[in-house]
Amino acid sequence: MHGSRSRTGDDARGASSGGRGARWGGDEFAILLPDCCEDEARKIIARVTPTTPSLQSCAAGIAEWDGVETSDELVRRADVELLRHKHVSAYR
C-alpha cells in the first residue's frame, strides 16, 4: 500500500482490534488485520485511499490467509494483486 505512513498506521489500528501497519520497504506498507475478512479489508482500503496526500498514489493488494499457506505464499498473493492494481490504475 502506498501513502502516508502515519495515516496508514492510524487507519490500520483503528480498523480492527489488534491491526498493525508497518513500512514494508521503499514506499510500501503492510497492514496485518487479524480477524478481518477480505471484504472488510477492502472497505478499510476504500476509506484510506481518499486520504492519500496530493501527488501520491494508493494501491493495495489484499490477501486473506487460507489457514494452510506459508507467510511467504500469503505475501506473494497480496503482492500479485498489488501489482495488478498498480497496472490498472496506470491506464486510467
PDB file of N, CA and C in Angstrom:
ATOM      1  N   MET A   1       0.833  -1.155   0.000  1.00  0.00           N
ATOM      2  CA  MET A   1       0.000   0.000   0.000  1.00  0.00           C
ATOM      3  C   MET A   1       0.886   1.228   0.000  1.00  0.00           C
ATOM      4  N   HIS A   2       0.523   2.219  -0.781  1.00  0.00           N
ATOM      5  CA  HIS A   2       1.316   3.434  -0.854  1.00  0.00           C
ATOM      6  C   HIS A   2       0.542   4.570  -0.221  1.00  0.00           C
ATOM      7  N   GLY A   3       1.256   5.462   0.439  1.00  0.00           N
ATOM      8  CA  GLY A   3       0.605   6.617   1.034  1.00  0.00           C
ATOM      9  C   GLY A   3       1.349   7.060   2.262  1.00  0.00           C
ATOM     10  N   SER A   4       0.682   7.805   3.080  1.00  0.00           N
ATOM     11  CA  SER A   4       1.295   8.365   4.282  1.00  0.00           C
ATOM     12  C   SER A   4       1.416   7.311   5.363  1.00  0.00           C
ATOM     13  N   ARG A   5       2.605   7.176   5.923  1.00  0.00           N
ATOM     14  CA  ARG A   5       2.819   6.164   6.954  1.00  0.00           C
ATOM     15  C   ARG A   5       1.925   6.417   8.160  1.00  0.00           C
ATOM     16  N   SER A   6       1.822   7.659   8.594  1.00  0.00           N
ATOM     17  CA  SER A   6       1.034   7.928   9.790  1.00  0.00           C
ATOM     18  C   SER A   6      -0.442   7.637   9.550  1.00  0.00           C
ATOM     19  N   ARG A   7      -0.960   8.021   8.398  1.00  0.00           N
ATOM     20  CA  ARG A   7      -2.367   7.721   8.110  1.00  0.00           C
ATOM     21  C   ARG A   7      -2.583   6.221   8.010  1.00  0.00           C
ATOM     22  N   THR A   8      -1.680   5.523   7.343  1.00  0.00           N
ATOM     23  CA  THR A   8      -1.819   4.078   7.177  1.00  0.00           C
ATOM     24  C   THR A   8      -1.840   3.387   8.524  1.00  0.00           C
ATOM     25  N   GLY A   9      -0.895   3.728   9.373  1.00  0.00           N
ATOM     26  CA  GLY A   9      -0.834   3.104  10.689  1.00  0.00           C
ATOM     27  C   GLY A   9      -2.050   3.430  11.536  1.00  0.00           C
ATOM     28  N   ASP A  10      -2.486   4.680  11.498  1.00  0.00           N
ATOM     29  CA  ASP A  10      -3.661   5.077  12.267  1.00  0.00           C
ATOM     30  C   ASP A  10      -4.887   4.315  11.808  1.00  0.00           C
ATOM     31  N   ASP A  11      -5.080   4.221  10.497  1.00  0.00           N
ATOM     32  CA  ASP A  11      -6.250   3.530   9.980  1.00  0.00           C
ATOM     33  C   ASP A  11      -6.191   2.039  10.264  1.00  0.00           C
ATOM     34  N   ALA A  12      -5.016   1.452  10.205  1.00  0.00           N
ATOM     35  CA  ALA A  12      -4.885   0.021  10.484  1.00  0.00           C
ATOM     36  C   ALA A  12      -5.227  -0.268  11.933  1.00  0.00           C
ATOM     37  N   ARG A  13      -4.732   0.556  12.850  1.00  0.00           N
ATOM     38  CA  ARG A  13      -5.012   0.316  14.267  1.00  0.00           C
ATOM     39  C   ARG A  13      -6.482   0.532  14.592  1.00  0.00           C
ATOM     40  N   GLY A  14      -7.102   1.501  13.929  1.00  0.00           N
ATOM     41  CA  GLY A  14      -8.495   1.785  14.215  1.00  0.00           C
ATOM     42  C   GLY A  14      -9.453   0.859  13.505  1.00  0.00           C
ATOM     43  N   ALA A  15      -8.979   0.134  12.519  1.00  0.00           N
ATOM     44  CA  ALA A  15      -9.848  -0.670  11.676  1.00  0.00           C
ATOM     45  C   ALA A  15     -10.267  -1.973  12.320  1.00  0.00           C
ATOM     46  N   SER A  16      -9.402  -2.556  13.070  1.00  0.00           N
ATOM     47  CA  SER A  16      -9.663  -3.882  13.608  1.00  0.00           C
ATOM     48  C   SER A  16      -8.880  -4.031  14.900  1.00  0.00           C
ATOM     49  N   SER A  17      -9.467  -4.658  15.842  1.00  0.00           N
ATOM     50  CA  SER A  17      -8.758  -4.889  17.096  1.00  0.00           C
ATOM     51  C   SER A  17      -7.450  -5.610  16.823  1.00  0.00           C
ATOM     52  N   GLY A  18      -6.348  -4.984  17.205  1.00  0.00           N
ATOM     53  CA  GLY A  18      -5.053  -5.617  17.011  1.00  0.00           C
ATOM     54  C   GLY A  18      -4.423  -5.365  15.658  1.00  0.00           C
ATOM     55  N   GLY A  19      -5.030  -4.525  14.805  1.00  0.00           N
ATOM     56  CA  GLY A  19      -4.467  -4.233  13.494  1.00  0.00           C
ATOM     57  C   GLY A  19      -3.124  -3.530  13.626  1.00  0.00           C
ATOM     58  N   ARG A  20      -2.199  -3.842  12.726  1.00  0.00           N
ATOM     59  CA  ARG A  20      -0.863  -3.250  12.758  1.00  0.00           C
ATOM     60  C   ARG A  20      -0.453  -2.841  11.353  1.00  0.00           C
ATOM     61  N   GLY A  21       0.166  -1.669  11.253  1.00  0.00           N
ATOM     62  CA  GLY A  21       0.707  -1.196   9.993  1.00  0.00           C
ATOM     63  C   GLY A  21       2.202  -0.989  10.147  1.00  0.00           C
ATOM     64  N   ALA A  22       2.964  -1.312   9.112  1.00  0.00           N
ATOM     65  CA  ALA A  22       4.415  -1.145   9.169  1.00  0.00           C
ATOM     66  C   ALA A  22       4.956  -0.875   7.777  1.00  0.00           C
ATOM     67  N   ARG A  23       6.054  -0.137   7.725  1.00  0.00           N
ATOM     68  CA  ARG A  23       6.733   0.086   6.441  1.00  0.00           C
ATOM     69  C   ARG A  23       7.277  -1.261   5.967  1.00  0.00           C
ATOM     70  N   TRP A  24       6.974  -1.616   4.725  1.00  0.00           N
ATOM     71  CA  TRP A  24       7.393  -2.900   4.173  1.00  0.00           C
ATOM     72  C   TRP A  24       8.683  -2.743   3.386  1.00  0.00           C
ATOM     73  N   GLY A  25       8.858  -1.611   2.773  1.00  0.00           N
ATOM     74  CA  GLY A  25      10.075  -1.325   2.013  1.00  0.00           C
ATOM     75  C   GLY A  25       9.817  -0.203   1.038  1.00  0.00           C
ATOM     76  N   GLY A  26      10.781   0.683   0.897  1.00  0.00           N
ATOM     77  CA  GLY A  26      10.598   1.803  -0.025  1.00  0.00           C
ATOM     78  C   GLY A  26       9.369   2.598   0.353  1.00  0.00           C
ATOM     79  N   ASP A  27       8.428   2.689  -0.567  1.00  0.00           N
ATOM     80  CA  ASP A  27       7.195   3.428  -0.293  1.00  0.00           C
ATOM     81  C   ASP A  27       6.014   2.484  -0.066  1.00  0.00           C
ATOM     82  N   GLU A  28       6.280   1.251   0.317  1.00  0.00           N
ATOM     83  CA  GLU A  28       5.221   0.269   0.549  1.00  0.00           C
ATOM     84  C   GLU A  28       5.042   0.001   2.034  1.00  0.00           C
ATOM     85  N   PHE A  29       3.809  -0.310   2.377  1.00  0.00           N
ATOM     86  CA  PHE A  29       3.449  -0.598   3.758  1.00  0.00           C
ATOM     87  C   PHE A  29       2.654  -1.894   3.795  1.00  0.00           C
ATOM     88  N   ALA A  30       2.785  -2.623   4.871  1.00  0.00           N
ATOM     89  CA  ALA A  30       1.996  -3.837   5.079  1.00  0.00           C
ATOM     90  C   ALA A  30       1.066  -3.580   6.251  1.00  0.00           C
ATOM     91  N   ILE A  31      -0.142  -4.040   6.125  1.00  0.00           N
ATOM     92  CA  ILE A  31      -1.112  -3.925   7.217  1.00  0.00           C
ATOM     93  C   ILE A  31      -1.608  -5.326   7.528  1.00  0.00           C
ATOM     94  N   LEU A  32      -1.449  -5.720   8.767  1.00  0.00           N
ATOM     95  CA  LEU A  32      -1.937  -7.009   9.241  1.00  0.00           C
ATOM     96  C   LEU A  32      -3.216  -6.753  10.017  1.00  0.00           C
ATOM     97  N   LEU A  33      -4.292  -7.386   9.586  1.00  0.00           N
ATOM     98  CA  LEU A  33      -5.599  -7.203  10.216  1.00  0.00           C
ATOM     99  C   LEU A  33      -6.133  -8.556  10.681  1.00  0.00           C
ATOM    100  N   PRO A  34      -5.724  -8.988  11.867  1.00  0.00           N
ATOM    101  CA  PRO A  34      -6.217 -10.284  12.353  1.00  0.00           C
ATOM    102  C   PRO A  34      -7.735 -10.253  12.537  1.00  0.00           C
ATOM    103  N   ASP A  35      -8.357 -11.356  12.267  1.00  0.00           N
ATOM    104  CA  ASP A  35      -9.808 -11.493  12.425  1.00  0.00           C
ATOM    105  C   ASP A  35     -10.582 -10.537  11.526  1.00  0.00           C
ATOM    106  N   CYS A  36      -9.996 -10.179  10.382  1.00  0.00           N
ATOM    107  CA  CYS A  36     -10.639  -9.285   9.422  1.00  0.00           C
ATOM    108  C   CYS A  36     -10.751 -10.037   8.100  1.00  0.00           C
ATOM    109  N   CYS A  37     -11.965 -10.158   7.586  1.00  0.00           N
ATOM    110  CA  CYS A  37     -12.153 -10.861   6.315  1.00  0.00           C
ATOM    111  C   CYS A  37     -11.748  -9.958   5.147  1.00  0.00           C
ATOM    112  N   GLU A  38     -11.627 -10.552   3.987  1.00  0.00           N
ATOM    113  CA  GLU A  38     -11.200  -9.815   2.793  1.00  0.00           C
ATOM    114  C   GLU A  38     -12.158  -8.673   2.461  1.00  0.00           C
ATOM    115  N   ASP A  39     -13.456  -8.901   2.594  1.00  0.00           N
ATOM    116  CA  ASP A  39     -14.429  -7.840   2.299  1.00  0.00           C
ATOM    117  C   ASP A  39     -14.236  -6.639   3.212  1.00  0.00           C
ATOM    118  N   GLU A  40     -14.002  -6.879   4.484  1.00  0.00           N
ATOM    119  CA  GLU A  40     -13.774  -5.787   5.436  1.00  0.00           C
ATOM    120  C   GLU A  40     -12.469  -5.067   5.113  1.00  0.00           C
ATOM    121  N   ALA A  41     -11.442  -5.806   4.726  1.00  0.00           N
ATOM    122  CA  ALA A  41     -10.164  -5.188   4.350  1.00  0.00           C
ATOM    123  C   ALA A  41     -10.356  -4.265   3.152  1.00  0.00           C
ATOM    124  N   ARG A  42     -11.180  -4.662   2.198  1.00  0.00           N
ATOM    125  CA  ARG A  42     -11.447  -3.808   1.035  1.00  0.00           C
ATOM    126  C   ARG A  42     -12.148  -2.520   1.455  1.00  0.00           C
ATOM    127  N   LYS A  43     -13.031  -2.598   2.426  1.00  0.00           N
ATOM    128  CA  LYS A  43     -13.710  -1.401   2.938  1.00  0.00           C
ATOM    129  C   LYS A  43     -12.703  -0.466   3.616  1.00  0.00           C
ATOM    130  N   ILE A  44     -11.761  -1.040   4.336  1.00  0.00           N
ATOM    131  CA  ILE A  44     -10.727  -0.234   5.002  1.00  0.00           C
ATOM    132  C   ILE A  44      -9.889   0.487   3.957  1.00  0.00           C
ATOM    133  N   ILE A  45      -9.478  -0.230   2.917  1.00  0.00           N
ATOM    134  CA  ILE A  45      -8.680   0.377   1.848  1.00  0.00           C
ATOM    135  C   ILE A  45      -9.478   1.481   1.164  1.00  0.00           C
ATOM    136  N   ALA A  46     -10.775   1.267   0.982  1.00  0.00           N
ATOM    137  CA  ALA A  46     -11.619   2.295   0.369  1.00  0.00           C
ATOM    138  C   ALA A  46     -11.668   3.557   1.231  1.00  0.00           C
ATOM    139  N   ARG A  47     -11.577   3.408   2.554  1.00  0.00           N
ATOM    140  CA  ARG A  47     -11.540   4.579   3.445  1.00  0.00           C
ATOM    141  C   ARG A  47     -10.176   5.265   3.416  1.00  0.00           C
ATOM    142  N   VAL A  48      -9.099   4.490   3.295  1.00  0.00           N
ATOM    143  CA  VAL A  48      -7.741   5.043   3.331  1.00  0.00           C
ATOM    144  C   VAL A  48      -7.405   5.769   2.032  1.00  0.00           C
ATOM    145  N   THR A  49      -7.798   5.215   0.909  1.00  0.00           N
ATOM    146  CA  THR A  49      -7.406   5.734  -0.396  1.00  0.00           C
ATOM    147  C   THR A  49      -7.694   7.227  -0.571  1.00  0.00           C
ATOM    148  N   PRO A  50      -8.881   7.723  -0.229  1.00  0.00           N
ATOM    149  CA  PRO A  50      -9.138   9.155  -0.432  1.00  0.00           C
ATOM    150  C   PRO A  50      -8.310  10.066   0.485  1.00  0.00           C
ATOM    151  N   THR A  51      -7.685   9.517   1.505  1.00  0.00           N
ATOM    152  CA  THR A  51      -6.880  10.338   2.417  1.00  0.00           C
ATOM    153  C   THR A  51      -5.430  10.457   1.959  1.00  0.00           C
ATOM    154  N   THR A  52      -5.097   9.826   0.840  1.00  0.00           N
ATOM    155  CA  THR A  52      -3.736   9.877   0.315  1.00  0.00           C
ATOM    156  C   THR A  52      -3.413  11.314  -0.091  1.00  0.00           C
ATOM    157  N   PRO A  53      -2.292  11.856   0.386  1.00  0.00           N
ATOM    158  CA  PRO A  53      -1.936  13.240   0.050  1.00  0.00           C
ATOM    159  C   PRO A  53      -1.799  13.458  -1.459  1.00  0.00           C
ATOM    160  N   SER A  54      -1.992  14.691  -1.880  1.00  0.00           N
ATOM    161  CA  SER A  54      -1.859  15.054  -3.288  1.00  0.00           C
ATOM    162  C   SER A  54      -0.501  14.618  -3.827  1.00  0.00           C
ATOM    163  N   LEU A  55      -0.485  14.299  -5.100  1.00  0.00           N
ATOM    164  CA  LEU A  55       0.715  13.879  -5.823  1.00  0.00           C
ATOM    165  C   LEU A  55       1.257  12.533  -5.362  1.00  0.00           C
ATOM    166  N   GLN A  56       0.515  11.817  -4.548  1.00  0.00           N
ATOM    167  CA  GLN A  56       0.887  10.465  -4.153  1.00  0.00           C
ATOM    168  C   GLN A  56      -0.227   9.528  -4.592  1.00  0.00           C
ATOM    169  N   SER A  57       0.085   8.253  -4.672  1.00  0.00           N
ATOM    170  CA  SER A  57      -0.923   7.284  -5.092  1.00  0.00           C
ATOM    171  C   SER A  57      -1.129   6.244  -4.001  1.00  0.00           C
ATOM    172  N   CYS A  58      -2.206   5.531  -4.132  1.00  0.00           N
ATOM    173  CA  CYS A  58      -2.512   4.465  -3.186  1.00  0.00           C
ATOM    174  C   CYS A  58      -3.023   3.267  -3.972  1.00  0.00           C
ATOM    175  N   ALA A  59      -2.344   2.153  -3.834  1.00  0.00           N
ATOM    176  CA  ALA A  59      -2.778   0.901  -4.446  1.00  0.00           C
ATOM    177  C   ALA A  59      -2.611  -0.166  -3.377  1.00  0.00           C
ATOM    178  N   ALA A  60      -3.479  -1.157  -3.381  1.00  0.00           N
ATOM    179  CA  ALA A  60      -3.428  -2.183  -2.341  1.00  0.00           C
ATOM    180  C   ALA A  60      -3.578  -3.567  -2.940  1.00  0.00           C
ATOM    181  N   GLY A  61      -2.875  -4.499  -2.343  1.00  0.00           N
ATOM    182  CA  GLY A  61      -3.032  -5.908  -2.657  1.00  0.00           C
ATOM    183  C   GLY A  61      -3.529  -6.592  -1.397  1.00  0.00           C
ATOM    184  N   ILE A  62      -4.664  -7.204  -1.468  1.00  0.00           N
ATOM    185  CA  ILE A  62      -5.290  -7.824  -0.298  1.00  0.00           C
ATOM    186  C   ILE A  62      -5.292  -9.326  -0.470  1.00  0.00           C
ATOM    187  N   ALA A  63      -4.908 -10.025   0.581  1.00  0.00           N
ATOM    188  CA  ALA A  63      -4.940 -11.486   0.575  1.00  0.00           C
ATOM    189  C   ALA A  63      -5.380 -11.952   1.957  1.00  0.00           C
ATOM    190  N   GLU A  64      -6.344 -12.831   1.990  1.00  0.00           N
ATOM    191  CA  GLU A  64      -6.812 -13.415   3.246  1.00  0.00           C
ATOM    192  C   GLU A  64      -6.162 -14.783   3.410  1.00  0.00           C
ATOM    193  N   TRP A  65      -5.555 -15.015   4.567  1.00  0.00           N
ATOM    194  CA  TRP A  65      -4.868 -16.274   4.824  1.00  0.00           C
ATOM    195  C   TRP A  65      -5.838 -17.435   4.739  1.00  0.00           C
ATOM    196  N   ASP A  66      -5.442 -18.476   4.018  1.00  0.00           N
ATOM    197  CA  ASP A  66      -6.316 -19.638   3.834  1.00  0.00           C
ATOM    198  C   ASP A  66      -6.160 -20.677   4.934  1.00  0.00           C
ATOM    199  N   GLY A  67      -5.293 -20.408   5.908  1.00  0.00           N
ATOM    200  CA  GLY A  67      -5.106 -21.326   7.024  1.00  0.00           C
ATOM    201  C   GLY A  67      -4.083 -22.411   6.765  1.00  0.00           C
ATOM    202  N   VAL A  68      -3.575 -22.480   5.538  1.00  0.00           N
ATOM    203  CA  VAL A  68      -2.641 -23.534   5.159  1.00  0.00           C
ATOM    204  C   VAL A  68      -1.340 -22.966   4.602  1.00  0.00           C
ATOM    205  N   GLU A  69      -1.438 -21.940   3.764  1.00  0.00           N
ATOM    206  CA  GLU A  69      -0.262 -21.419   3.067  1.00  0.00           C
ATOM    207  C   GLU A  69       0.751 -20.809   4.036  1.00  0.00           C
ATOM    208  N   THR A  70       1.983 -20.715   3.575  1.00  0.00           N
ATOM    209  CA  THR A  70       3.036 -20.098   4.372  1.00  0.00           C
ATOM    210  C   THR A  70       2.878 -18.581   4.314  1.00  0.00           C
ATOM    211  N   SER A  71       3.572 -17.890   5.188  1.00  0.00           N
ATOM    212  CA  SER A  71       3.524 -16.426   5.161  1.00  0.00           C
ATOM    213  C   SER A  71       4.088 -15.896   3.844  1.00  0.00           C
ATOM    214  N   ASP A  72       5.117 -16.542   3.310  1.00  0.00           N
ATOM    215  CA  ASP A  72       5.671 -16.123   2.017  1.00  0.00           C
ATOM    216  C   ASP A  72       4.633 -16.240   0.903  1.00  0.00           C
ATOM    217  N   GLU A  73       3.877 -17.310   0.908  1.00  0.00           N
ATOM    218  CA  GLU A  73       2.842 -17.507  -0.109  1.00  0.00           C
ATOM    219  C   GLU A  73       1.733 -16.458   0.036  1.00  0.00           C
ATOM    220  N   LEU A  74       1.364 -16.154   1.257  1.00  0.00           N
ATOM    221  CA  LEU A  74       0.344 -15.143   1.516  1.00  0.00           C
ATOM    222  C   LEU A  74       0.803 -13.778   1.008  1.00  0.00           C
ATOM    223  N   VAL A  75       2.024 -13.400   1.335  1.00  0.00           N
ATOM    224  CA  VAL A  75       2.569 -12.117   0.885  1.00  0.00           C
ATOM    225  C   VAL A  75       2.680 -12.094  -0.635  1.00  0.00           C
ATOM    226  N   ARG A  76       3.060 -13.190  -1.229  1.00  0.00           N
ATOM    227  CA  ARG A  76       3.169 -13.269  -2.693  1.00  0.00           C
ATOM    228  C   ARG A  76       1.808 -13.019  -3.342  1.00  0.00           C
ATOM    229  N   ARG A  77       0.747 -13.596  -2.798  1.00  0.00           N
ATOM    230  CA  ARG A  77      -0.594 -13.365  -3.358  1.00  0.00           C
ATOM    231  C   ARG A  77      -0.996 -11.896  -3.227  1.00  0.00           C
ATOM    232  N   ALA A  78      -0.698 -11.288  -2.080  1.00  0.00           N
ATOM    233  CA  ALA A  78      -1.010  -9.867  -1.901  1.00  0.00           C
ATOM    234  C   ALA A  78      -0.202  -9.016  -2.873  1.00  0.00           C
ATOM    235  N   ASP A  79       1.055  -9.379  -3.083  1.00  0.00           N
ATOM    236  CA  ASP A  79       1.912  -8.620  -3.990  1.00  0.00           C
ATOM    237  C   ASP A  79       1.421  -8.713  -5.432  1.00  0.00           C
ATOM    238  N   VAL A  80       0.970  -9.888  -5.846  1.00  0.00           N
ATOM    239  CA  VAL A  80       0.433 -10.060  -7.206  1.00  0.00           C
ATOM    240  C   VAL A  80      -0.783  -9.151  -7.387  1.00  0.00           C
ATOM    241  N   GLU A  81      -1.654  -9.099  -6.398  1.00  0.00           N
ATOM    242  CA  GLU A  81      -2.837  -8.238  -6.501  1.00  0.00           C
ATOM    243  C   GLU A  81      -2.427  -6.763  -6.498  1.00  0.00           C
ATOM    244  N   LEU A  82      -1.442  -6.406  -5.676  1.00  0.00           N
ATOM    245  CA  LEU A  82      -0.948  -5.026  -5.650  1.00  0.00           C
ATOM    246  C   LEU A  82      -0.446  -4.615  -7.035  1.00  0.00           C
ATOM    247  N   LEU A  83       0.366  -5.460  -7.653  1.00  0.00           N
ATOM    248  CA  LEU A  83       0.889  -5.153  -8.983  1.00  0.00           C
ATOM    249  C   LEU A  83      -0.222  -5.032 -10.017  1.00  0.00           C
ATOM    250  N   ARG A  84      -1.243  -5.868  -9.891  1.00  0.00           N
ATOM    251  CA  ARG A  84      -2.393  -5.797 -10.802  1.00  0.00           C
ATOM    252  C   ARG A  84      -3.100  -4.453 -10.641  1.00  0.00           C
ATOM    253  N   HIS A  85      -3.304  -4.009  -9.402  1.00  0.00           N
ATOM    254  CA  HIS A  85      -3.966  -2.726  -9.160  1.00  0.00           C
ATOM    255  C   HIS A  85      -3.120  -1.558  -9.671  1.00  0.00           C
ATOM    256  N   LYS A  86      -1.812  -1.636  -9.482  1.00  0.00           N
ATOM    257  CA  LYS A  86      -0.937  -0.578  -9.994  1.00  0.00           C
ATOM    258  C   LYS A  86      -1.023  -0.499 -11.514  1.00  0.00           C
ATOM    259  N   HIS A  87      -1.045  -1.647 -12.168  1.00  0.00           N
ATOM    260  CA  HIS A  87      -1.129  -1.694 -13.636  1.00  0.00           C
ATOM    261  C   HIS A  87      -2.441  -1.093 -14.115  1.00  0.00           C
ATOM    262  N   VAL A  88      -3.536  -1.463 -13.489  1.00  0.00           N
ATOM    263  CA  VAL A  88      -4.857  -0.958 -13.875  1.00  0.00           C
ATOM    264  C   VAL A  88      -4.932   0.558 -13.656  1.00  0.00           C
ATOM    265  N   SER A  89      -4.450   1.059 -12.514  1.00  0.00           N
ATOM    266  CA  SER A  89      -4.548   2.485 -12.231  1.00  0.00           C
ATOM    267  C   SER A  89      -3.636   3.305 -13.129  1.00  0.00           C
ATOM    268  N   ALA A  90      -2.572   2.713 -13.647  1.00  0.00           N
ATOM    269  CA  ALA A  90      -1.668   3.437 -14.536  1.00  0.00           C
ATOM    270  C   ALA A  90      -2.331   3.761 -15.872  1.00  0.00           C
ATOM    271  N   TYR A  91      -3.356   3.005 -16.227  1.00  0.00           N
ATOM    272  CA  TYR A  91      -4.030   3.217 -17.512  1.00  0.00           C
ATOM    273  C   TYR A  91      -5.375   3.909 -17.377  1.00  0.00           C
ATOM    274  N   ARG A  92      -5.625   4.523 -16.233  1.00  0.00           N
ATOM    275  CA  ARG A  92      -6.885   5.257 -16.034  1.00  0.00           C
ATOM    276  C   ARG A  92      -6.717   6.691 -16.411  1.00  0.00           C
TER     277      ARG A  92
END
